[in-house]
């Protein structure tokens, strides 16, 4: 699995970090980001749910 967030689409709603805090966080400006070393999803079963929860669909989950 490979996870990424389109920084040009993200609006900083924070749903990803709330849903899957082991994989996502928010940067100093409040925008979603994938935690370093967690780009593979870290086995978190909520990664796909976090992607679905994004109101602007900025998260891509491949695999």
Protein backbone atom coordinates (compact mmCIF):
# COMPACT_ATOMS: atom_id res chain seq x y z
CA UNK A 1 0.00 0.00 0.00
CA UNK A 2 1.19 3.52 -0.76
CA UNK A 3 -0.45 6.62 0.73
CA UNK A 4 -0.10 10.23 -0.35
CA UNK A 5 -1.86 13.54 0.20
CA UNK A 6 -2.18 16.10 -2.57
CA UNK A 7 -1.01 19.26 -0.82
CA UNK A 8 -2.68 21.42 -3.48
CA UNK A 9 -6.09 19.89 -2.76
CA UNK A 10 -5.97 19.49 1.05
CA UNK A 11 -8.00 22.09 2.97
CA UNK A 12 -6.87 21.05 6.46
CA UNK A 13 -10.15 19.55 7.64
CA UNK A 14 -8.18 17.10 9.80
CA UNK A 15 -10.43 14.08 9.24
CA UNK A 16 -7.43 11.95 8.25
CA UNK A 17 -5.55 12.68 11.48
CA UNK A 18 -8.69 12.08 13.55
CA UNK A 19 -9.49 8.80 11.82
CA UNK A 20 -5.99 7.32 11.53
CA UNK A 21 -3.56 9.17 13.83
CA UNK A 22 -0.92 6.43 13.51
CA UNK A 23 -0.51 7.37 9.82
CA UNK A 24 -1.67 10.98 9.41
CA UNK A 25 -1.00 14.25 11.19
CA UNK A 26 -1.35 17.94 10.45
CA UNK A 27 1.59 20.18 9.66
CA UNK A 28 2.30 23.56 11.27
CA UNK A 29 -0.18 25.20 8.87
CA UNK A 30 -2.92 22.70 9.70
CA UNK A 31 -2.78 20.71 6.48
CA UNK A 32 -2.81 16.93 6.41
CA UNK A 33 0.42 15.02 5.98
CA UNK A 34 1.52 11.42 6.14
CA UNK A 35 3.83 10.70 9.06
CA UNK A 36 7.41 9.93 8.06
CA UNK A 37 7.89 6.20 7.67
CA UNK A 38 4.14 5.55 7.53
CA UNK A 39 3.70 5.99 3.77
CA UNK A 40 2.89 2.27 3.55
CA UNK A 41 -0.05 2.59 5.95
CA UNK A 42 1.78 0.93 8.85
CA UNK A 43 -0.81 -1.84 8.87
CA UNK A 44 -3.49 0.56 10.11
CA UNK A 45 -6.91 -0.77 9.04
CA UNK A 46 -8.39 2.75 9.20
CA UNK A 47 -6.24 4.23 6.40
CA UNK A 48 -8.86 3.63 3.71
CA UNK A 49 -11.58 4.99 5.99
CA UNK A 50 -9.45 8.13 6.52
CA UNK A 51 -9.17 8.55 2.75
CA UNK A 52 -12.96 8.23 2.40
CA UNK A 53 -13.47 10.75 5.22
CA UNK A 54 -11.47 13.45 3.42
CA UNK A 55 -14.04 16.04 2.28
CA UNK A 56 -11.98 17.02 -0.79
CA UNK A 57 -10.56 13.56 -1.59
CA UNK A 58 -6.95 14.73 -1.28
CA UNK A 59 -5.73 11.30 -0.08
CA UNK A 60 -4.64 8.60 -2.51
CA UNK A 61 -4.28 5.00 -1.35
CA UNK A 62 -2.67 2.70 -3.90
CA UNK A 63 -2.64 -1.00 -3.27
